[in-house]
Amino acid sequence: MFRIILITIFVLVSAFAYFKIRNILPDTSWIKLTYNLFFLLIVAIFSTGIFLRGYLPPKVNVFIINYLVTWIVACVYFMLIMLFVGLINMFVKYLDNLQINPHNSVIKYILRCSVFVIIALMAIWKQFKRKMIFLALALTMLILIWGRYNFTRIKIEKLDININKKAKIETLKIIAASDLHLGYSINKKYLKKIVDLINAQKPDIILLVGDIADGYSAPIIEQNMREEFLQLKAPLGVYGVTGNHECYGDMKNTVDYLKSAGIIMLQDSLVLLDNDIYIAGRNDKTIKNRKKLDAILENIDKEKPVILLDHQPFNLGQAEENGVDLQLSGHTHGGQIFPFTLITKLVYEKQHGYLKKNNTHYYITSGAGGWGPKLRIGSQSEIVEITLRFEHE
C-alpha cells in the first residue's frame, strides 16, 4: 500500500513539473530530447527503487528513497508556487475585465486606497508573465537550500525548569537529543558533529530519547559509530530509550551495540542516580507488550524527582497522573517539512516545545536528525539543554 501511494504521488507531481517546464523550453530538438531523457531516467530510477525496495542493497535503498522524497518535495513546492502564480494570473485578468461604476462610493474608496498596488501588480505580471516558471524554479531551489540549512544547523534550545521537590543537588544540567536516525544517510560524520556539540555544553547527564538508529544495526556497526558514542562526556552518564525506528529493524542487535558504546538503555526500567533522582525509560509504544507507566514507577519514592524518557508523545496525561516531574519525548520532528508541520499539530497534543500540566513539565524535541531527505522546512534540528533547579535538602 505504501508503495502504491508513493508511486502515485511521485507520478502526479513529476508529470505536473514535466509539462510546465517543457512548455517554456526552446523548440531546439536536442534540448527537448535531453529534457525528455532526463525525466525518463528519473522516473525509471525511482520507480525501480520503489518496486524493488527490500531487494536492493541497503545503501542503494537509502539513496533512492532519500532522493526520491527530496524530488517529490521539490516538485510539490514547485507545484504550489505555480498554483499561486495561477491565482495571481486569474486576479489580474479579473481586474482587466472589471467594469467599475465610478459613482459607487465603496469601490471608489477601495480604488483610491489600492490603486498603486493594483497598477504595480498588473505591470509586474504583464512584464514577467513568461518568466514566472523560471521564478518558480528559483524559489523552489531557494526553499530546498533553506531546508538543508535548517537541517544541518543544529540549534541549542535552552530551558530552565523549577522542580518542586528536594534533592541533594541544587541543579542538574541535562542535554537531550532525539531522532538522530543514524544509518547510511545520517552517518558517522554527522554523529561526530552532534557529539562535539553536546560535549561543548558540558552536561551533567545526556539523555537520548529514541530513534537513535534508523532501523537496522548494520550501518552503525559498519561505520564503527561506537567510536563516536564513547566520546560523549557526562559525569552522571549517558542514557537512552528505543524509538519506533529501532523496532522496525533488528532491535536487539541495535540495543546491544548501543550498550557496548557506553549508553545505558532503559527498556521499561529505571535507575536512581546517587540515591537522589530517578531516570525512567519506556520502550517505544510500537512494542505492544511494553509495561504500563504505573508498573514501572510503582515502587519508587514519590518524594524524589522523576525524569521520564518516552519517545512518542502520546497520552501525556499519564506522566502527570504518575507523579513524573519531567517527560522528554521526540518522534514528531516538529513536522520536519511543511505542510506536515500542520498535520502533526493536529495529531499530537504538543508536537514541539514546552508544556506544563500542573507539576509535570514536558518537552517534545524536534530532534537532531530526521527521516528521509535532509531537509527541514518550517522546523529546525535541535538538541535541548535543560537546567533543572531543585529545592535543596
Protein backbone atom coordinates (compact mmCIF):
# COMPACT_ATOMS: atom_id res chain seq x y z
CA MET A 1 0.00 0.00 0.00
CA PHE A 2 2.85 2.37 0.92
CA ARG A 3 4.49 1.72 -2.46
CA ILE A 4 1.28 2.42 -4.37
CA ILE A 5 0.73 5.73 -2.53
CA LEU A 6 4.36 6.74 -3.03
CA ILE A 7 4.43 5.93 -6.75
CA THR A 8 1.08 7.73 -7.27
CA ILE A 9 2.34 10.92 -5.60
CA PHE A 10 5.63 10.65 -7.49
CA VAL A 11 3.94 10.28 -10.89
CA LEU A 12 1.43 13.10 -10.33
CA VAL A 13 3.86 15.75 -9.09
CA SER A 14 6.52 14.73 -11.64
CA ALA A 15 4.01 14.97 -14.50
CA PHE A 16 2.97 18.46 -13.38
CA ALA A 17 6.61 19.63 -13.28
CA TYR A 18 7.41 17.92 -16.59
CA PHE A 19 4.67 19.63 -18.62
CA LYS A 20 5.04 23.05 -17.00
CA ILE A 21 8.79 23.21 -17.66
CA ARG A 22 8.51 21.63 -21.14
CA ASN A 23 6.22 24.45 -22.27
CA ILE A 24 8.92 27.08 -21.78
CA LEU A 25 11.79 25.20 -23.43
CA PRO A 26 13.03 26.43 -26.81
CA ASP A 27 11.97 24.41 -29.85
CA THR A 28 15.53 23.15 -30.39
CA SER A 29 15.20 19.41 -30.82
CA TRP A 30 18.28 18.38 -28.86
CA ILE A 31 17.21 20.41 -25.81
CA LYS A 32 13.78 18.80 -25.70
CA LEU A 33 15.30 15.37 -26.34
CA THR A 34 17.77 15.83 -23.47
CA TYR A 35 14.96 17.05 -21.22
CA ASN A 36 12.74 14.06 -22.09
CA LEU A 37 15.58 11.59 -21.50
CA PHE A 38 16.36 13.23 -18.14
CA PHE A 39 12.79 12.80 -16.95
CA LEU A 40 12.61 9.23 -18.25
CA LEU A 41 15.80 8.43 -16.33
CA ILE A 42 14.38 9.97 -13.14
CA VAL A 43 11.14 8.00 -13.49
CA ALA A 44 13.00 4.76 -14.26
CA ILE A 45 15.42 5.03 -11.30
CA PHE A 46 12.84 5.98 -8.73
CA SER A 47 10.17 3.54 -9.96
CA THR A 48 12.69 0.71 -9.86
CA GLY A 49 13.73 1.78 -6.37
CA ILE A 50 10.13 1.77 -5.13
CA PHE A 51 9.16 -1.61 -6.58
CA LEU A 52 12.44 -3.36 -5.73
CA ARG A 53 12.67 -1.85 -2.24
CA GLY A 54 13.88 -4.59 0.06
CA TYR A 55 15.69 -6.48 -2.71
CA LEU A 56 18.36 -3.90 -3.47
CA PRO A 57 21.47 -3.42 -1.29
CA PRO A 58 20.65 -1.28 1.79
CA LYS A 59 22.88 1.61 0.69
CA VAL A 60 21.12 1.75 -2.69
CA ASN A 61 17.69 1.59 -0.99
CA VAL A 62 18.54 4.51 1.28
CA PHE A 63 20.00 6.56 -1.58
CA ILE A 64 16.97 6.06 -3.83
CA ILE A 65 14.33 6.67 -1.14
CA ASN A 66 16.05 9.79 0.25
CA TYR A 67 16.49 11.38 -3.17
CA LEU A 68 13.05 10.24 -4.27
CA VAL A 69 11.42 12.02 -1.33
CA THR A 70 13.61 15.10 -1.96
CA TRP A 71 12.46 15.08 -5.60
CA ILE A 72 8.81 14.80 -4.52
CA VAL A 73 9.25 17.68 -2.03
CA ALA A 74 10.83 19.83 -4.77
CA CYS A 75 8.01 19.04 -7.23
CA VAL A 76 5.32 19.73 -4.60
CA TYR A 77 6.79 23.14 -3.75
CA PHE A 78 7.15 23.96 -7.46
CA MET A 79 3.50 22.99 -7.95
CA LEU A 80 2.34 25.13 -5.00
CA ILE A 81 4.28 28.14 -6.30
CA MET A 82 2.82 27.68 -9.78
CA LEU A 83 -0.70 27.39 -8.37
CA PHE A 84 -0.12 30.66 -6.51
CA VAL A 85 1.12 32.24 -9.74
CA GLY A 86 -2.03 30.95 -11.45
CA LEU A 87 -4.19 32.67 -8.84
CA ILE A 88 -2.34 35.94 -9.49
CA ASN A 89 -2.97 35.48 -13.23
CA MET A 90 -6.70 34.99 -12.62
CA PHE A 91 -6.79 38.07 -10.39
CA VAL A 92 -5.04 40.25 -12.97
CA LYS A 93 -7.38 39.06 -15.73
CA TYR A 94 -10.31 39.85 -13.47
CA LEU A 95 -9.00 43.39 -12.94
CA ASP A 96 -8.57 43.84 -16.70
CA ASN A 97 -12.18 42.85 -17.35
CA LEU A 98 -13.74 44.57 -14.35
CA GLN A 99 -16.41 47.15 -15.21
CA ILE A 100 -16.39 49.72 -12.40
CA ASN A 101 -19.18 52.21 -11.71
CA PRO A 102 -17.30 55.39 -10.68
CA HIS A 103 -20.36 56.60 -8.74
CA ASN A 104 -20.14 53.62 -6.37
CA SER A 105 -18.58 55.25 -3.29
CA VAL A 106 -17.33 51.95 -1.76
CA ILE A 107 -15.48 50.87 -4.90
CA LYS A 108 -14.23 54.43 -5.36
CA TYR A 109 -12.75 54.38 -1.85
CA ILE A 110 -11.16 50.96 -2.34
CA LEU A 111 -9.63 52.06 -5.63
CA ARG A 112 -8.19 55.19 -4.07
CA CYS A 113 -6.57 53.10 -1.32
CA SER A 114 -5.22 50.33 -3.55
CA VAL A 115 -4.70 51.92 -6.97
CA PHE A 116 -0.93 52.00 -6.71
CA VAL A 117 -0.74 48.37 -5.56
CA ILE A 118 -3.03 47.22 -8.36
CA ILE A 119 -1.16 49.15 -11.05
CA ALA A 120 2.18 47.82 -9.80
CA LEU A 121 0.87 44.23 -9.68
CA MET A 122 -0.52 44.39 -13.21
CA ALA A 123 2.65 45.97 -14.59
CA ILE A 124 4.90 43.34 -12.97
CA TRP A 125 2.69 40.49 -14.11
CA LYS A 126 2.45 41.64 -17.74
CA GLN A 127 6.18 42.27 -17.89
CA PHE A 128 7.33 38.96 -16.38
CA LYS A 129 4.46 36.61 -17.14
CA ARG A 130 6.61 34.34 -19.35
CA LYS A 131 9.39 34.24 -16.80
CA MET A 132 7.25 33.12 -13.87
CA ILE A 133 8.15 29.44 -14.31
CA PHE A 134 11.82 30.32 -14.03
CA LEU A 135 10.97 32.31 -10.92
CA ALA A 136 9.07 29.31 -9.51
CA LEU A 137 12.06 27.05 -10.16
CA ALA A 138 14.39 29.56 -8.49
CA LEU A 139 12.11 29.85 -5.46
CA THR A 140 11.91 26.06 -5.21
CA MET A 141 15.70 25.82 -5.19
CA LEU A 142 15.93 28.53 -2.51
CA ILE A 143 13.39 26.68 -0.36
CA LEU A 144 15.41 23.45 -0.66
CA ILE A 145 18.66 25.26 0.21
CA TRP A 146 16.96 26.86 3.20
CA GLY A 147 15.60 23.44 4.23
CA ARG A 148 19.06 21.88 4.03
CA TYR A 149 20.48 24.73 6.12
CA ASN A 150 17.82 24.22 8.81
CA PHE A 151 18.63 20.51 8.87
CA THR A 152 22.41 20.83 9.23
CA ARG A 153 22.43 23.83 11.59
CA ILE A 154 21.63 22.22 14.93
CA LYS A 155 20.11 24.73 17.33
CA ILE A 156 20.65 24.52 21.10
CA GLU A 157 17.28 25.05 22.78
CA LYS A 158 17.74 26.16 26.41
CA LEU A 159 15.23 25.85 29.24
CA ASP A 160 15.27 26.49 33.00
CA ILE A 161 12.73 24.45 34.95
CA ASN A 162 11.99 24.58 38.68
CA ILE A 163 11.10 21.22 40.23
CA ASN A 164 9.10 21.41 43.46
CA LYS A 165 10.94 18.53 45.11
CA LYS A 166 14.02 18.29 47.27
CA ALA A 167 17.32 16.87 46.01
CA LYS A 168 20.90 16.70 47.23
CA ILE A 169 21.97 18.86 44.32
CA GLU A 170 20.64 22.31 43.55
CA THR A 171 20.75 21.99 39.76
CA LEU A 172 21.02 19.29 37.11
CA LYS A 173 22.14 20.18 33.59
CA ILE A 174 20.62 17.83 31.01
CA ILE A 175 21.37 17.56 27.33
CA ALA A 176 18.60 15.72 25.50
CA ALA A 177 18.80 14.60 21.88
CA SER A 178 16.29 12.60 19.90
CA ASP A 179 15.69 11.25 16.40
CA LEU A 180 19.29 11.03 15.25
CA HIS A 181 18.22 8.35 12.71
CA LEU A 182 21.79 7.15 12.29
CA GLY A 183 22.47 4.97 9.27
CA TYR A 184 23.85 5.26 5.76
CA SER A 185 22.27 8.67 5.21
CA ILE A 186 22.91 10.34 8.57
CA ASN A 187 26.39 8.94 9.01
CA LYS A 188 29.30 8.87 11.43
CA LYS A 189 30.48 12.32 10.36
CA TYR A 190 27.12 13.84 11.31
CA LEU A 191 27.17 11.92 14.61
CA LYS A 192 30.59 13.44 15.40
CA LYS A 193 29.08 16.89 14.87
CA ILE A 194 26.30 16.07 17.37
CA VAL A 195 28.74 14.57 19.91
CA ASP A 196 31.02 17.62 19.72
CA LEU A 197 28.05 19.96 20.16
CA ILE A 198 26.76 18.00 23.17
CA ASN A 199 30.17 17.87 24.85
CA ALA A 200 30.67 21.60 24.33
CA GLN A 201 27.68 22.24 26.65
CA LYS A 202 29.37 20.28 29.49
CA PRO A 203 26.23 18.47 30.68
CA ASP A 204 25.81 16.56 33.94
CA ILE A 205 23.82 13.88 32.13
CA ILE A 206 22.99 13.02 28.50
CA LEU A 207 19.59 11.60 27.53
CA LEU A 208 18.90 10.08 24.09
CA VAL A 209 15.16 9.96 23.52
CA GLY A 210 14.71 7.24 20.87
CA ASP A 211 15.21 6.72 17.13
CA ILE A 212 18.94 6.76 17.74
CA ALA A 213 19.32 4.37 14.80
CA ASP A 214 17.27 4.49 11.61
CA GLY A 215 16.25 0.84 11.67
CA TYR A 216 18.86 -1.86 11.29
CA SER A 217 22.14 -2.05 13.19
CA ALA A 218 24.33 -2.87 10.16
CA PRO A 219 25.16 0.72 9.08
CA ILE A 220 26.06 1.93 12.57
CA ILE A 221 28.23 -1.15 13.11
CA GLU A 222 29.91 -0.90 9.69
CA GLN A 223 30.82 2.73 10.34
CA ASN A 224 32.03 1.96 13.87
CA MET A 225 29.79 4.63 15.39
CA ARG A 226 30.67 3.21 18.81
CA GLU A 227 33.87 5.23 18.49
CA GLU A 228 31.91 8.49 18.49
CA PHE A 229 29.39 7.48 21.17
CA LEU A 230 32.26 6.67 23.53
CA GLN A 231 33.40 10.29 23.22
CA LEU A 232 30.23 11.54 24.95
CA LYS A 233 31.19 13.02 28.32
CA ALA A 234 28.83 13.46 31.27
CA PRO A 235 29.65 12.65 34.91
CA LEU A 236 26.24 11.06 35.55
CA GLY A 237 26.31 9.01 32.33
CA VAL A 238 24.51 8.59 29.02
CA TYR A 239 21.02 7.06 28.96
CA GLY A 240 18.76 6.15 26.08
CA VAL A 241 15.47 4.55 25.09
CA THR A 242 14.19 2.87 21.95
CA GLY A 243 12.03 4.62 19.36
CA ASN A 244 9.80 3.23 16.66
CA HIS A 245 12.65 3.02 14.14
CA GLU A 246 14.70 0.70 16.35
CA CYS A 247 11.61 -1.51 16.44
CA TYR A 248 11.44 -1.62 12.62
CA GLY A 249 14.87 -3.27 12.42
CA ASP A 250 16.87 -5.77 14.45
CA MET A 251 16.17 -4.05 17.75
CA LYS A 252 18.09 -6.47 19.99
CA ASN A 253 21.28 -6.09 17.94
CA THR A 254 20.90 -2.30 17.89
CA VAL A 255 20.29 -2.09 21.65
CA ASP A 256 23.23 -4.41 22.38
CA TYR A 257 25.51 -2.30 20.18
CA LEU A 258 24.40 0.95 21.85
CA LYS A 259 25.06 -0.62 25.26
CA SER A 260 28.55 -1.58 24.12
CA ALA A 261 29.02 2.09 23.13
CA GLY A 262 28.51 3.24 26.71
CA ILE A 263 24.79 4.06 26.54
CA ILE A 264 22.63 2.74 29.38
CA MET A 265 19.45 1.66 27.62
CA LEU A 266 16.32 1.95 29.75
CA GLN A 267 13.73 -0.55 28.50
CA ASP A 268 10.68 -0.23 30.71
CA SER A 269 13.10 0.28 33.57
CA LEU A 270 14.59 2.99 35.76
CA VAL A 271 17.71 3.95 37.66
CA LEU A 272 18.20 6.03 40.80
CA LEU A 273 21.10 8.45 40.41
CA ASP A 274 23.13 8.82 43.59
CA ASN A 275 20.05 7.82 45.63
CA ASP A 276 18.61 11.18 44.59
CA ILE A 277 16.91 11.40 41.17
CA TYR A 278 15.04 8.76 39.15
CA ILE A 279 15.57 8.37 35.41
CA ALA A 280 12.87 6.14 33.89
CA GLY A 281 12.69 4.97 30.29
CA ARG A 282 9.89 3.29 28.37
CA ASN A 283 10.11 1.01 25.39
CA ASP A 284 8.51 2.58 22.35
CA LYS A 285 4.73 2.24 22.07
CA THR A 286 5.29 0.21 18.88
CA ILE A 287 6.11 -2.69 21.26
CA LYS A 288 2.63 -3.92 22.16
CA ASN A 289 3.61 -5.63 25.40
CA ARG A 290 5.53 -2.72 26.89
CA LYS A 291 4.94 -2.11 30.58
CA LYS A 292 2.42 0.41 31.77
CA LEU A 293 3.94 3.50 33.29
CA ASP A 294 2.43 2.89 36.73
CA ALA A 295 4.04 -0.58 36.78
CA ILE A 296 7.47 0.92 36.02
CA LEU A 297 7.12 3.52 38.78
CA GLU A 298 5.15 1.50 41.36
CA ASN A 299 7.97 1.04 43.90
CA ILE A 300 9.67 4.42 43.73
CA ASP A 301 9.88 7.09 46.38
CA LYS A 302 7.48 9.73 45.04
CA GLU A 303 9.23 12.39 47.12
CA LYS A 304 12.25 12.17 44.82
CA PRO A 305 12.37 13.86 41.38
CA VAL A 306 11.39 11.66 38.43
CA ILE A 307 12.53 12.19 34.82
CA LEU A 308 10.81 10.08 32.15
CA LEU A 309 12.01 9.27 28.62
CA ASP A 310 9.19 8.20 26.29
CA HIS A 311 9.86 8.52 22.56
CA GLN A 312 6.34 9.14 21.24
CA PRO A 313 4.39 11.97 22.91
CA PHE A 314 1.03 10.23 23.20
CA ASN A 315 -1.15 10.10 26.34
CA LEU A 316 0.82 12.85 28.05
CA GLY A 317 -1.58 12.84 30.97
CA GLN A 318 -0.15 9.51 32.19
CA ALA A 319 3.07 11.19 33.31
CA GLU A 320 1.13 13.74 35.34
CA GLU A 321 -1.04 11.01 36.90
CA ASN A 322 2.07 9.08 37.99
CA GLY A 323 3.94 11.97 39.57
CA VAL A 324 6.56 12.45 36.86
CA ASP A 325 8.33 15.80 37.12
CA LEU A 326 9.78 15.99 33.60
CA GLN A 327 8.92 13.97 30.48
CA LEU A 328 11.15 14.14 27.43
CA SER A 329 9.85 12.94 24.05
CA GLY A 330 10.66 13.27 20.37
CA HIS A 331 9.29 11.39 17.34
CA THR A 332 7.34 14.25 15.72
CA HIS A 333 10.39 16.01 14.16
CA GLY A 334 8.32 19.16 14.65
CA GLY A 335 6.64 18.12 11.41
CA GLN A 336 10.05 18.36 9.64
CA ILE A 337 8.65 19.62 6.32
CA PHE A 338 5.69 21.96 5.71
CA PRO A 339 2.76 21.17 5.36
CA PHE A 340 3.39 18.14 7.63
CA THR A 341 4.10 20.71 10.35
CA LEU A 342 0.36 21.49 10.28
CA ILE A 343 -0.64 17.81 10.32
CA THR A 344 1.49 16.95 13.37
CA LYS A 345 -0.09 19.87 15.23
CA LEU A 346 -3.47 18.19 14.70
CA VAL A 347 -2.27 14.68 15.65
CA TYR A 348 -0.36 15.49 18.84
CA GLU A 349 -1.40 17.44 21.92
CA LYS A 350 2.02 19.08 21.69
CA GLN A 351 4.08 18.45 18.57
CA HIS A 352 7.10 20.52 19.61
CA GLY A 353 8.28 22.56 22.55
CA TYR A 354 7.50 23.03 26.23
CA LEU A 355 4.28 22.14 28.02
CA LYS A 356 3.26 22.06 31.67
CA LYS A 357 0.41 20.15 33.29
CA ASN A 358 0.14 21.04 36.97
CA ASN A 359 3.52 19.97 38.44
CA THR A 360 4.61 17.93 35.42
CA HIS A 361 6.84 19.52 32.78
CA TYR A 362 7.15 18.22 29.21
CA TYR A 363 9.49 18.94 26.36
CA ILE A 364 8.93 17.44 22.91
CA THR A 365 12.06 17.94 20.83
CA SER A 366 12.12 18.23 17.05
CA GLY A 367 15.27 16.08 17.02
CA ALA A 368 18.86 16.41 15.96
CA GLY A 369 18.46 14.44 12.73
CA GLY A 370 15.48 13.49 10.59
CA TRP A 371 13.92 10.87 8.37
CA GLY A 372 14.17 10.79 4.59
CA PRO A 373 15.54 13.89 2.88
CA LYS A 374 18.00 16.05 4.79
CA LEU A 375 15.55 18.95 4.79
CA ARG A 376 13.69 20.92 7.42
CA ILE A 377 11.18 23.39 6.04
CA GLY A 378 9.20 25.01 8.83
CA SER A 379 11.17 23.17 11.52
CA GLN A 380 14.69 23.18 12.95
CA SER A 381 17.18 20.50 14.05
CA GLU A 382 17.94 20.86 17.74
CA ILE A 383 19.41 19.47 20.92
CA VAL A 384 17.91 20.58 24.21
CA GLU A 385 19.78 21.93 27.22
CA ILE A 386 17.58 21.80 30.30
CA THR A 387 18.69 23.09 33.69
CA LEU A 388 16.57 21.61 36.45
CA ARG A 389 16.51 23.53 39.73
CA PHE A 390 15.51 21.64 42.88
CA GLU A 391 14.68 22.59 46.43
CA HIS A 392 17.97 21.93 48.22
CA GLU A 393 17.85 19.47 51.13
